[in-house]
Amino acid sequence: SGFTFSRYAMSWYRQAPGKERGLVATITSTSGTTTYAVSVKGRFT
């Protein structure tokens, strides 16, 4: 809320204790193209 959501690319990241935050998945604002980390591809959407 509070911004024009449709203009923004959206992503999910995750971080385990003592580890760096890493990218899980991304979806673009225009075409809806998705990308996934190798570790979750085929399991996450």
ModelCIF file with pLDDT and N, C-alpha, C, O atoms, coordinates in Angstrom:
data_MODEL
#
_entry.id   MODEL 
#
_entity.id                         1 
_entity.type                       polymer 
_entity.pdbx_number_of_molecules   1 
#
_entity_poly.entity_id                      1 
_entity_poly.type                           'polypeptide(L)' 
_entity_poly.nstd_linkage                   no 
_entity_poly.nstd_monomer                   no 
_entity_poly.pdbx_seq_one_letter_code       SGFTFSRYAMSWYRQAPGKERGLVATITSTSGTTTYAVSVKGRFT 
_entity_poly.pdbx_seq_one_letter_code_can   SGFTFSRYAMSWYRQAPGKERGLVATITSTSGTTTYAVSVKGRFT 
_entity_poly.pdbx_strand_id                 A 
#
loop_
_entity_poly_seq.entity_id 
_entity_poly_seq.num 
_entity_poly_seq.mon_id 
_entity_poly_seq.hetero 
1 1  SER n 
1 2  GLY n 
1 3  PHE n 
1 4  THR n 
1 5  PHE n 
1 6  SER n 
1 7  ARG n 
1 8  TYR n 
1 9  ALA n 
1 10 MET n 
1 11 SER n 
1 12 TRP n 
1 13 TYR n 
1 14 ARG n 
1 15 GLN n 
1 16 ALA n 
1 17 PRO n 
1 18 GLY n 
1 19 LYS n 
1 20 GLU n 
1 21 ARG n 
1 22 GLY n 
1 23 LEU n 
1 24 VAL n 
1 25 ALA n 
1 26 THR n 
1 27 ILE n 
1 28 THR n 
1 29 SER n 
1 30 THR n 
1 31 SER n 
1 32 GLY n 
1 33 THR n 
1 34 THR n 
1 35 THR n 
1 36 TYR n 
1 37 ALA n 
1 38 VAL n 
1 39 SER n 
1 40 VAL n 
1 41 LYS n 
1 42 GLY n 
1 43 ARG n 
1 44 PHE n 
1 45 THR n 
#
_struct_asym.id          A 
_struct_asym.entity_id   1 
#
loop_
_ma_qa_metric.id 
_ma_qa_metric.mode 
_ma_qa_metric.name 
_ma_qa_metric.software_group_id 
_ma_qa_metric.type 
1 global pLDDT . pLDDT 
2 local  pLDDT . pLDDT 
#
_ma_qa_metric_global.metric_id      1 
_ma_qa_metric_global.metric_value   95.96 
_ma_qa_metric_global.model_id       1 
_ma_qa_metric_global.ordinal_id     1 
#
loop_
_ma_qa_metric_local.label_asym_id 
_ma_qa_metric_local.label_comp_id 
_ma_qa_metric_local.label_seq_id 
_ma_qa_metric_local.metric_id 
_ma_qa_metric_local.metric_value 
_ma_qa_metric_local.model_id 
_ma_qa_metric_local.ordinal_id 
A SER 1  2 94.00 1 1  
A GLY 2  2 91.00 1 2  
A PHE 3  2 90.00 1 3  
A THR 4  2 92.00 1 4  
A PHE 5  2 94.00 1 5  
A SER 6  2 95.00 1 6  
A ARG 7  2 95.00 1 7  
A TYR 8  2 96.00 1 8  
A ALA 9  2 97.00 1 9  
A MET 10 2 98.00 1 10 
A SER 11 2 98.00 1 11 
A TRP 12 2 98.00 1 12 
A TYR 13 2 98.00 1 13 
A ARG 14 2 98.00 1 14 
A GLN 15 2 98.00 1 15 
A ALA 16 2 96.00 1 16 
A PRO 17 2 92.00 1 17 
A GLY 18 2 93.00 1 18 
A LYS 19 2 95.00 1 19 
A GLU 20 2 96.00 1 20 
A ARG 21 2 97.00 1 21 
A GLY 22 2 98.00 1 22 
A LEU 23 2 98.00 1 23 
A VAL 24 2 98.00 1 24 
A ALA 25 2 98.00 1 25 
A THR 26 2 98.00 1 26 
A ILE 27 2 98.00 1 27 
A THR 28 2 97.00 1 28 
A SER 29 2 94.00 1 29 
A THR 30 2 85.00 1 30 
A SER 31 2 89.00 1 31 
A GLY 32 2 93.00 1 32 
A THR 33 2 97.00 1 33 
A THR 34 2 98.00 1 34 
A THR 35 2 98.00 1 35 
A TYR 36 2 98.00 1 36 
A ALA 37 2 98.00 1 37 
A VAL 38 2 98.00 1 38 
A SER 39 2 97.00 1 39 
A VAL 40 2 98.00 1 40 
A LYS 41 2 97.00 1 41 
A GLY 42 2 98.00 1 42 
A ARG 43 2 98.00 1 43 
A PHE 44 2 98.00 1 44 
A THR 45 2 98.00 1 45 
#
loop_
_atom_site.group_PDB 
_atom_site.id 
_atom_site.type_symbol 
_atom_site.label_atom_id 
_atom_site.label_alt_id 
_atom_site.label_comp_id 
_atom_site.label_asym_id 
_atom_site.label_entity_id 
_atom_site.label_seq_id 
_atom_site.pdbx_PDB_ins_code 
_atom_site.Cartn_x 
_atom_site.Cartn_y 
_atom_site.Cartn_z 
_atom_site.occupancy 
_atom_site.B_iso_or_equiv 
_atom_site.pdbx_formal_charge 
_atom_site.auth_seq_id 
_atom_site.auth_comp_id 
_atom_site.auth_asym_id 
_atom_site.auth_atom_id 
_atom_site.pdbx_PDB_model_num 
ATOM 1   N N  . SER A 1 1  ? 0.841  -1.191  0.000   1.00 94.00 ? 1  SER A N  1 
ATOM 2   C CA . SER A 1 1  ? 0.000  0.000   0.000   1.00 94.00 ? 1  SER A CA 1 
ATOM 3   C C  . SER A 1 1  ? 0.878  1.243   0.000   1.00 94.00 ? 1  SER A C  1 
ATOM 4   O O  . SER A 1 1  ? 2.035  1.197   0.419   1.00 94.00 ? 1  SER A O  1 
ATOM 5   N N  . GLY A 1 2  ? 0.315  2.365   -0.478  1.00 91.00 ? 2  GLY A N  1 
ATOM 6   C CA . GLY A 1 2  ? 1.018  3.636   -0.434  1.00 91.00 ? 2  GLY A CA 1 
ATOM 7   C C  . GLY A 1 2  ? 1.859  3.956   -1.656  1.00 91.00 ? 2  GLY A C  1 
ATOM 8   O O  . GLY A 1 2  ? 2.574  4.957   -1.664  1.00 91.00 ? 2  GLY A O  1 
ATOM 9   N N  . PHE A 1 3  ? 1.787  3.124   -2.691  1.00 90.00 ? 3  PHE A N  1 
ATOM 10  C CA . PHE A 1 3  ? 2.504  3.383   -3.935  1.00 90.00 ? 3  PHE A CA 1 
ATOM 11  C C  . PHE A 1 3  ? 1.799  2.683   -5.083  1.00 90.00 ? 3  PHE A C  1 
ATOM 12  O O  . PHE A 1 3  ? 0.896  1.875   -4.869  1.00 90.00 ? 3  PHE A O  1 
ATOM 13  N N  . THR A 1 4  ? 2.221  2.999   -6.311  1.00 92.00 ? 4  THR A N  1 
ATOM 14  C CA . THR A 1 4  ? 1.594  2.406   -7.489  1.00 92.00 ? 4  THR A CA 1 
ATOM 15  C C  . THR A 1 4  ? 2.167  1.015   -7.707  1.00 92.00 ? 4  THR A C  1 
ATOM 16  O O  . THR A 1 4  ? 3.174  0.839   -8.392  1.00 92.00 ? 4  THR A O  1 
ATOM 17  N N  . PHE A 1 5  ? 1.508  0.039   -7.116  1.00 94.00 ? 5  PHE A N  1 
ATOM 18  C CA . PHE A 1 5  ? 2.003  -1.333  -7.067  1.00 94.00 ? 5  PHE A CA 1 
ATOM 19  C C  . PHE A 1 5  ? 2.330  -1.887  -8.451  1.00 94.00 ? 5  PHE A C  1 
ATOM 20  O O  . PHE A 1 5  ? 3.346  -2.560  -8.625  1.00 94.00 ? 5  PHE A O  1 
ATOM 21  N N  . SER A 1 6  ? 1.473  -1.608  -9.438  1.00 95.00 ? 6  SER A N  1 
ATOM 22  C CA . SER A 1 6  ? 1.629  -2.191  -10.769 1.00 95.00 ? 6  SER A CA 1 
ATOM 23  C C  . SER A 1 6  ? 2.906  -1.756  -11.472 1.00 95.00 ? 6  SER A C  1 
ATOM 24  O O  . SER A 1 6  ? 3.319  -2.409  -12.430 1.00 95.00 ? 6  SER A O  1 
ATOM 25  N N  . ARG A 1 7  ? 3.542  -0.686  -11.035 1.00 95.00 ? 7  ARG A N  1 
ATOM 26  C CA . ARG A 1 7  ? 4.767  -0.193  -11.650 1.00 95.00 ? 7  ARG A CA 1 
ATOM 27  C C  . ARG A 1 7  ? 6.019  -0.877  -11.108 1.00 95.00 ? 7  ARG A C  1 
ATOM 28  O O  . ARG A 1 7  ? 7.098  -0.737  -11.685 1.00 95.00 ? 7  ARG A O  1 
ATOM 29  N N  . TYR A 1 8  ? 5.888  -1.612  -10.010 1.00 96.00 ? 8  TYR A N  1 
ATOM 30  C CA . TYR A 1 8  ? 7.043  -2.168  -9.312  1.00 96.00 ? 8  TYR A CA 1 
ATOM 31  C C  . TYR A 1 8  ? 7.251  -3.634  -9.622  1.00 96.00 ? 8  TYR A C  1 
ATOM 32  O O  . TYR A 1 8  ? 6.303  -4.420  -9.632  1.00 96.00 ? 8  TYR A O  1 
ATOM 33  N N  . ALA A 1 9  ? 8.500  -3.998  -9.875  1.00 97.00 ? 9  ALA A N  1 
ATOM 34  C CA . ALA A 1 9  ? 8.872  -5.403  -9.842  1.00 97.00 ? 9  ALA A CA 1 
ATOM 35  C C  . ALA A 1 9  ? 8.826  -5.885  -8.397  1.00 97.00 ? 9  ALA A C  1 
ATOM 36  O O  . ALA A 1 9  ? 9.191  -5.149  -7.480  1.00 97.00 ? 9  ALA A O  1 
ATOM 37  N N  . MET A 1 10 ? 8.382  -7.112  -8.199  1.00 98.00 ? 10 MET A N  1 
ATOM 38  C CA . MET A 1 10 ? 8.262  -7.673  -6.859  1.00 98.00 ? 10 MET A CA 1 
ATOM 39  C C  . MET A 1 10 ? 9.130  -8.918  -6.738  1.00 98.00 ? 10 MET A C  1 
ATOM 40  O O  . MET A 1 10 ? 9.258  -9.700  -7.680  1.00 98.00 ? 10 MET A O  1 
ATOM 41  N N  . SER A 1 11 ? 9.721  -9.085  -5.562  1.00 98.00 ? 11 SER A N  1 
ATOM 42  C CA . SER A 1 11 ? 10.618 -10.208 -5.331  1.00 98.00 ? 11 SER A CA 1 
ATOM 43  C C  . SER A 1 11 ? 10.402 -10.785 -3.944  1.00 98.00 ? 11 SER A C  1 
ATOM 44  O O  . SER A 1 11 ? 9.892  -10.122 -3.041  1.00 98.00 ? 11 SER A O  1 
ATOM 45  N N  . TRP A 1 12 ? 10.808 -12.047 -3.802  1.00 98.00 ? 12 TRP A N  1 
ATOM 46  C CA . TRP A 1 12 ? 10.910 -12.695 -2.501  1.00 98.00 ? 12 TRP A CA 1 
ATOM 47  C C  . TRP A 1 12 ? 12.372 -13.043 -2.246  1.00 98.00 ? 12 TRP A C  1 
ATOM 48  O O  . TRP A 1 12 ? 13.054 -13.590 -3.113  1.00 98.00 ? 12 TRP A O  1 
ATOM 49  N N  . TYR A 1 13 ? 12.840 -12.719 -1.050  1.00 98.00 ? 13 TYR A N  1 
ATOM 50  C CA . TYR A 1 13 ? 14.155 -13.093 -0.570  1.00 98.00 ? 13 TYR A CA 1 
ATOM 51  C C  . TYR A 1 13 ? 13.992 -13.922 0.690   1.00 98.00 ? 13 TYR A C  1 
ATOM 52  O O  . TYR A 1 13 ? 12.921 -13.943 1.297   1.00 98.00 ? 13 TYR A O  1 
ATOM 53  N N  . ARG A 1 14 ? 15.068 -14.609 1.084   1.00 98.00 ? 14 ARG A N  1 
ATOM 54  C CA . ARG A 1 14 ? 15.041 -15.324 2.349   1.00 98.00 ? 14 ARG A CA 1 
ATOM 55  C C  . ARG A 1 14 ? 16.399 -15.241 3.022   1.00 98.00 ? 14 ARG A C  1 
ATOM 56  O O  . ARG A 1 14 ? 17.428 -15.069 2.369   1.00 98.00 ? 14 ARG A O  1 
ATOM 57  N N  . GLN A 1 15 ? 16.379 -15.366 4.351   1.00 98.00 ? 15 GLN A N  1 
ATOM 58  C CA . GLN A 1 15 ? 17.600 -15.281 5.137   1.00 98.00 ? 15 GLN A CA 1 
ATOM 59  C C  . GLN A 1 15 ? 17.511 -16.231 6.325   1.00 98.00 ? 15 GLN A C  1 
ATOM 60  O O  . GLN A 1 15 ? 16.619 -16.110 7.166   1.00 98.00 ? 15 GLN A O  1 
ATOM 61  N N  . ALA A 1 16 ? 18.437 -17.170 6.384   1.00 96.00 ? 16 ALA A N  1 
ATOM 62  C CA . ALA A 1 16 ? 18.553 -18.081 7.511   1.00 96.00 ? 16 ALA A CA 1 
ATOM 63  C C  . ALA A 1 16 ? 19.494 -17.476 8.546   1.00 96.00 ? 16 ALA A C  1 
ATOM 64  O O  . ALA A 1 16 ? 20.315 -16.626 8.200   1.00 96.00 ? 16 ALA A O  1 
ATOM 65  N N  . PRO A 1 17 ? 19.393 -17.897 9.819   1.00 92.00 ? 17 PRO A N  1 
ATOM 66  C CA . PRO A 1 17 ? 20.257 -17.346 10.867  1.00 92.00 ? 17 PRO A CA 1 
ATOM 67  C C  . PRO A 1 17 ? 21.736 -17.477 10.513  1.00 92.00 ? 17 PRO A C  1 
ATOM 68  O O  . PRO A 1 17 ? 22.198 -18.554 10.137  1.00 92.00 ? 17 PRO A O  1 
ATOM 69  N N  . GLY A 1 18 ? 22.474 -16.376 10.635  1.00 93.00 ? 18 GLY A N  1 
ATOM 70  C CA . GLY A 1 18 ? 23.896 -16.371 10.347  1.00 93.00 ? 18 GLY A CA 1 
ATOM 71  C C  . GLY A 1 18 ? 24.253 -16.392 8.876   1.00 93.00 ? 18 GLY A C  1 
ATOM 72  O O  . GLY A 1 18 ? 25.433 -16.470 8.533   1.00 93.00 ? 18 GLY A O  1 
ATOM 73  N N  . LYS A 1 19 ? 23.263 -16.325 7.994   1.00 95.00 ? 19 LYS A N  1 
ATOM 74  C CA . LYS A 1 19 ? 23.501 -16.374 6.559   1.00 95.00 ? 19 LYS A CA 1 
ATOM 75  C C  . LYS A 1 19 ? 23.108 -15.056 5.902   1.00 95.00 ? 19 LYS A C  1 
ATOM 76  O O  . LYS A 1 19 ? 22.363 -14.261 6.476   1.00 95.00 ? 19 LYS A O  1 
ATOM 77  N N  . GLU A 1 20 ? 23.613 -14.835 4.697   1.00 96.00 ? 20 GLU A N  1 
ATOM 78  C CA . GLU A 1 20 ? 23.260 -13.648 3.934   1.00 96.00 ? 20 GLU A CA 1 
ATOM 79  C C  . GLU A 1 20 ? 21.878 -13.804 3.310   1.00 96.00 ? 20 GLU A C  1 
ATOM 80  O O  . GLU A 1 20 ? 21.442 -14.911 2.994   1.00 96.00 ? 20 GLU A O  1 
ATOM 81  N N  . ARG A 1 21 ? 21.198 -12.669 3.140   1.00 97.00 ? 21 ARG A N  1 
ATOM 82  C CA . ARG A 1 21 ? 19.906 -12.667 2.475   1.00 97.00 ? 21 ARG A CA 1 
ATOM 83  C C  . ARG A 1 21 ? 20.088 -12.972 0.990   1.00 97.00 ? 21 ARG A C  1 
ATOM 84  O O  . ARG A 1 21 ? 20.945 -12.376 0.337   1.00 97.00 ? 21 ARG A O  1 
ATOM 85  N N  . GLY A 1 22 ? 19.288 -13.897 0.452   1.00 98.00 ? 22 GLY A N  1 
ATOM 86  C CA . GLY A 1 22 ? 19.416 -14.308 -0.926  1.00 98.00 ? 22 GLY A CA 1 
ATOM 87  C C  . GLY A 1 22 ? 18.103 -14.249 -1.681  1.00 98.00 ? 22 GLY A C  1 
ATOM 88  O O  . GLY A 1 22 ? 17.032 -14.409 -1.095  1.00 98.00 ? 22 GLY A O  1 
ATOM 89  N N  . LEU A 1 23 ? 18.187 -14.017 -2.981  1.00 98.00 ? 23 LEU A N  1 
ATOM 90  C CA . LEU A 1 23 ? 17.014 -13.921 -3.846  1.00 98.00 ? 23 LEU A CA 1 
ATOM 91  C C  . LEU A 1 23 ? 16.376 -15.294 -4.051  1.00 98.00 ? 23 LEU A C  1 
ATOM 92  O O  . LEU A 1 23 ? 17.068 -16.276 -4.317  1.00 98.00 ? 23 LEU A O  1 
ATOM 93  N N  . VAL A 1 24 ? 15.050 -15.351 -3.926  1.00 98.00 ? 24 VAL A N  1 
ATOM 94  C CA . VAL A 1 24 ? 14.284 -16.564 -4.162  1.00 98.00 ? 24 VAL A CA 1 
ATOM 95  C C  . VAL A 1 24 ? 13.563 -16.514 -5.502  1.00 98.00 ? 24 VAL A C  1 
ATOM 96  O O  . VAL A 1 24 ? 13.658 -17.453 -6.292  1.00 98.00 ? 24 VAL A O  1 
ATOM 97  N N  . ALA A 1 25 ? 12.835 -15.415 -5.768  1.00 98.00 ? 25 ALA A N  1 
ATOM 98  C CA . ALA A 1 25 ? 12.049 -15.304 -6.990  1.00 98.00 ? 25 ALA A CA 1 
ATOM 99  C C  . ALA A 1 25 ? 11.723 -13.846 -7.264  1.00 98.00 ? 25 ALA A C  1 
ATOM 100 O O  . ALA A 1 25 ? 11.665 -13.030 -6.344  1.00 98.00 ? 25 ALA A O  1 
ATOM 101 N N  . THR A 1 26 ? 11.510 -13.522 -8.540  1.00 98.00 ? 26 THR A N  1 
ATOM 102 C CA . THR A 1 26 ? 11.171 -12.177 -8.962  1.00 98.00 ? 26 THR A CA 1 
ATOM 103 C C  . THR A 1 26 ? 10.088 -12.238 -10.038 1.00 98.00 ? 26 THR A C  1 
ATOM 104 O O  . THR A 1 26 ? 10.070 -13.160 -10.854 1.00 98.00 ? 26 THR A O  1 
ATOM 105 N N  . ILE A 1 27 ? 9.191  -11.259 -10.038 1.00 98.00 ? 27 ILE A N  1 
ATOM 106 C CA . ILE A 1 27 ? 8.203  -11.111 -11.103 1.00 98.00 ? 27 ILE A CA 1 
ATOM 107 C C  . ILE A 1 27 ? 8.198  -9.654  -11.549 1.00 98.00 ? 27 ILE A C  1 
ATOM 108 O O  . ILE A 1 27 ? 8.144  -8.751  -10.713 1.00 98.00 ? 27 ILE A O  1 
ATOM 109 N N  . THR A 1 28 ? 8.254  -9.415  -12.859 1.00 97.00 ? 28 THR A N  1 
ATOM 110 C CA . THR A 1 28 ? 8.353  -8.058  -13.380 1.00 97.00 ? 28 THR A CA 1 
ATOM 111 C C  . THR A 1 28 ? 7.016  -7.343  -13.334 1.00 97.00 ? 28 THR A C  1 
ATOM 112 O O  . THR A 1 28 ? 5.967  -7.965  -13.163 1.00 97.00 ? 28 THR A O  1 
ATOM 113 N N  . SER A 1 29 ? 7.069  -6.012  -13.492 1.00 94.00 ? 29 SER A N  1 
ATOM 114 C CA . SER A 1 29 ? 5.866  -5.187  -13.446 1.00 94.00 ? 29 SER A CA 1 
ATOM 115 C C  . SER A 1 29 ? 5.149  -5.115  -14.784 1.00 94.00 ? 29 SER A C  1 
ATOM 116 O O  . SER A 1 29 ? 3.960  -4.799  -14.823 1.00 94.00 ? 29 SER A O  1 
ATOM 117 N N  . THR A 1 30 ? 5.839  -5.398  -15.875 1.00 85.00 ? 30 THR A N  1 
ATOM 118 C CA . THR A 1 30 ? 5.281  -5.220  -17.212 1.00 85.00 ? 30 THR A CA 1 
ATOM 119 C C  . THR A 1 30 ? 4.782  -6.530  -17.814 1.00 85.00 ? 30 THR A C  1 
ATOM 120 O O  . THR A 1 30 ? 3.575  -6.733  -17.941 1.00 85.00 ? 30 THR A O  1 
ATOM 121 N N  . SER A 1 31 ? 5.686  -7.404  -18.177 1.00 89.00 ? 31 SER A N  1 
ATOM 122 C CA . SER A 1 31 ? 5.324  -8.656  -18.829 1.00 89.00 ? 31 SER A CA 1 
ATOM 123 C C  . SER A 1 31 ? 4.924  -9.758  -17.850 1.00 89.00 ? 31 SER A C  1 
ATOM 124 O O  . SER A 1 31 ? 4.338  -10.761 -18.258 1.00 89.00 ? 31 SER A O  1 
ATOM 125 N N  . GLY A 1 32 ? 5.228  -9.586  -16.581 1.00 93.00 ? 32 GLY A N  1 
ATOM 126 C CA . GLY A 1 32 ? 4.979  -10.638 -15.610 1.00 93.00 ? 32 GLY A CA 1 
ATOM 127 C C  . GLY A 1 32 ? 5.968  -11.779 -15.694 1.00 93.00 ? 32 GLY A C  1 
ATOM 128 O O  . GLY A 1 32 ? 5.696  -12.880 -15.213 1.00 93.00 ? 32 GLY A O  1 
ATOM 129 N N  . THR A 1 33 ? 7.118  -11.522 -16.305 1.00 97.00 ? 33 THR A N  1 
ATOM 130 C CA . THR A 1 33 ? 8.153  -12.539 -16.409 1.00 97.00 ? 33 THR A CA 1 
ATOM 131 C C  . THR A 1 33 ? 8.680  -12.911 -15.030 1.00 97.00 ? 33 THR A C  1 
ATOM 132 O O  . THR A 1 33 ? 8.917  -12.038 -14.194 1.00 97.00 ? 33 THR A O  1 
ATOM 133 N N  . THR A 1 34 ? 8.863  -14.199 -14.794 1.00 98.00 ? 34 THR A N  1 
ATOM 134 C CA . THR A 1 34 ? 9.329  -14.693 -13.504 1.00 98.00 ? 34 THR A CA 1 
ATOM 135 C C  . THR A 1 34 ? 10.721 -15.281 -13.613 1.00 98.00 ? 34 THR A C  1 
ATOM 136 O O  . THR A 1 34 ? 11.102 -15.833 -14.645 1.00 98.00 ? 34 THR A O  1 
ATOM 137 N N  . THR A 1 35 ? 11.475 -15.156 -12.530 1.00 98.00 ? 35 THR A N  1 
ATOM 138 C CA . THR A 1 35 ? 12.779 -15.789 -12.400 1.00 98.00 ? 35 THR A CA 1 
ATOM 139 C C  . THR A 1 35 ? 12.871 -16.431 -11.028 1.00 98.00 ? 35 THR A C  1 
ATOM 140 O O  . THR A 1 35 ? 12.237 -15.977 -10.075 1.00 98.00 ? 35 THR A O  1 
ATOM 141 N N  . TYR A 1 36 ? 13.676 -17.506 -10.932 1.00 98.00 ? 36 TYR A N  1 
ATOM 142 C CA . TYR A 1 36 ? 13.788 -18.264 -9.692  1.00 98.00 ? 36 TYR A CA 1 
ATOM 143 C C  . TYR A 1 36 ? 15.224 -18.644 -9.413  1.00 98.00 ? 36 TYR A C  1 
ATOM 144 O O  . TYR A 1 36 ? 16.018 -18.858 -10.329 1.00 98.00 ? 36 TYR A O  1 
ATOM 145 N N  . ALA A 1 37 ? 15.545 -18.723 -8.139  1.00 98.00 ? 37 ALA A N  1 
ATOM 146 C CA . ALA A 1 37 ? 16.811 -19.319 -7.748  1.00 98.00 ? 37 ALA A CA 1 
ATOM 147 C C  . ALA A 1 37 ? 16.807 -20.796 -8.129  1.00 98.00 ? 37 ALA A C  1 
ATOM 148 O O  . ALA A 1 37 ? 15.767 -21.454 -8.099  1.00 98.00 ? 37 ALA A O  1 
ATOM 149 N N  . VAL A 1 38 ? 17.978 -21.306 -8.487  1.00 98.00 ? 38 VAL A N  1 
ATOM 150 C CA . VAL A 1 38 ? 18.084 -22.708 -8.877  1.00 98.00 ? 38 VAL A CA 1 
ATOM 151 C C  . VAL A 1 38 ? 17.559 -23.631 -7.780  1.00 98.00 ? 38 VAL A C  1 
ATOM 152 O O  . VAL A 1 38 ? 16.956 -24.664 -8.071  1.00 98.00 ? 38 VAL A O  1 
ATOM 153 N N  . SER A 1 39 ? 17.785 -23.264 -6.532  1.00 97.00 ? 39 SER A N  1 
ATOM 154 C CA . SER A 1 39 ? 17.416 -24.113 -5.413  1.00 97.00 ? 39 SER A CA 1 
ATOM 155 C C  . SER A 1 39 ? 15.905 -24.287 -5.236  1.00 97.00 ? 39 SER A C  1 
ATOM 156 O O  . SER A 1 39 ? 15.470 -25.223 -4.564  1.00 97.00 ? 39 SER A O  1 
ATOM 157 N N  . VAL A 1 40 ? 15.096 -23.394 -5.832  1.00 98.00 ? 40 VAL A N  1 
ATOM 158 C CA . VAL A 1 40 ? 13.642 -23.476 -5.665  1.00 98.00 ? 40 VAL A CA 1 
ATOM 159 C C  . VAL A 1 40 ? 12.903 -23.686 -6.976  1.00 98.00 ? 40 VAL A C  1 
ATOM 160 O O  . VAL A 1 40 ? 11.695 -23.924 -6.963  1.00 98.00 ? 40 VAL A O  1 
ATOM 161 N N  . LYS A 1 41 ? 13.586 -23.606 -8.095  1.00 97.00 ? 41 LYS A N  1 
ATOM 162 C CA . LYS A 1 41 ? 12.937 -23.738 -9.398  1.00 97.00 ? 41 LYS A CA 1 
ATOM 163 C C  . LYS A 1 41 ? 12.232 -25.084 -9.514  1.00 97.00 ? 41 LYS A C  1 
ATOM 164 O O  . LYS A 1 41 ? 12.809 -26.128 -9.210  1.00 97.00 ? 41 LYS A O  1 
ATOM 165 N N  . GLY A 1 42 ? 10.977 -25.048 -9.957  1.00 98.00 ? 42 GLY A N  1 
ATOM 166 C CA . GLY A 1 42 ? 10.167 -26.244 -10.069 1.00 98.00 ? 42 GLY A CA 1 
ATOM 167 C C  . GLY A 1 42 ? 9.356  -26.553 -8.832  1.00 98.00 ? 42 GLY A C  1 
ATOM 168 O O  . GLY A 1 42 ? 8.437  -27.369 -8.887  1.00 98.00 ? 42 GLY A O  1 
ATOM 169 N N  . ARG A 1 43 ? 9.679  -25.912 -7.707  1.00 98.00 ? 43 ARG A N  1 
ATOM 170 C CA . ARG A 1 43 ? 8.948  -26.126 -6.460  1.00 98.00 ? 43 ARG A CA 1 
ATOM 171 C C  . ARG A 1 43 ? 8.156  -24.897 -6.020  1.00 98.00 ? 43 ARG A C  1 
ATOM 172 O O  . ARG A 1 43 ? 7.070  -25.029 -5.455  1.00 98.00 ? 43 ARG A O  1 
ATOM 173 N N  . PHE A 1 44 ? 8.697  -23.698 -6.278  1.00 98.00 ? 44 PHE A N  1 
ATOM 174 C CA . PHE A 1 44 ? 8.066  -22.448 -5.865  1.00 98.00 ? 44 PHE A CA 1 
ATOM 175 C C  . PHE A 1 44 ? 7.491  -21.728 -7.079  1.00 98.00 ? 44 PHE A C  1 
ATOM 176 O O  . PHE A 1 44 ? 8.016  -21.852 -8.185  1.00 98.00 ? 44 PHE A O  1 
ATOM 177 N N  . THR A 1 45 ? 6.408  -20.973 -6.871  1.00 98.00 ? 45 THR A N  1 
ATOM 178 C CA . THR A 1 45 ? 5.805  -20.162 -7.913  1.00 98.00 ? 45 THR A CA 1 
ATOM 179 C C  . THR A 1 45 ? 5.475  -18.776 -7.364  1.00 98.00 ? 45 THR A C  1 
ATOM 180 O O  . THR A 1 45 ? 4.955  -17.931 -8.093  1.00 98.00 ? 45 THR A O  1 
#
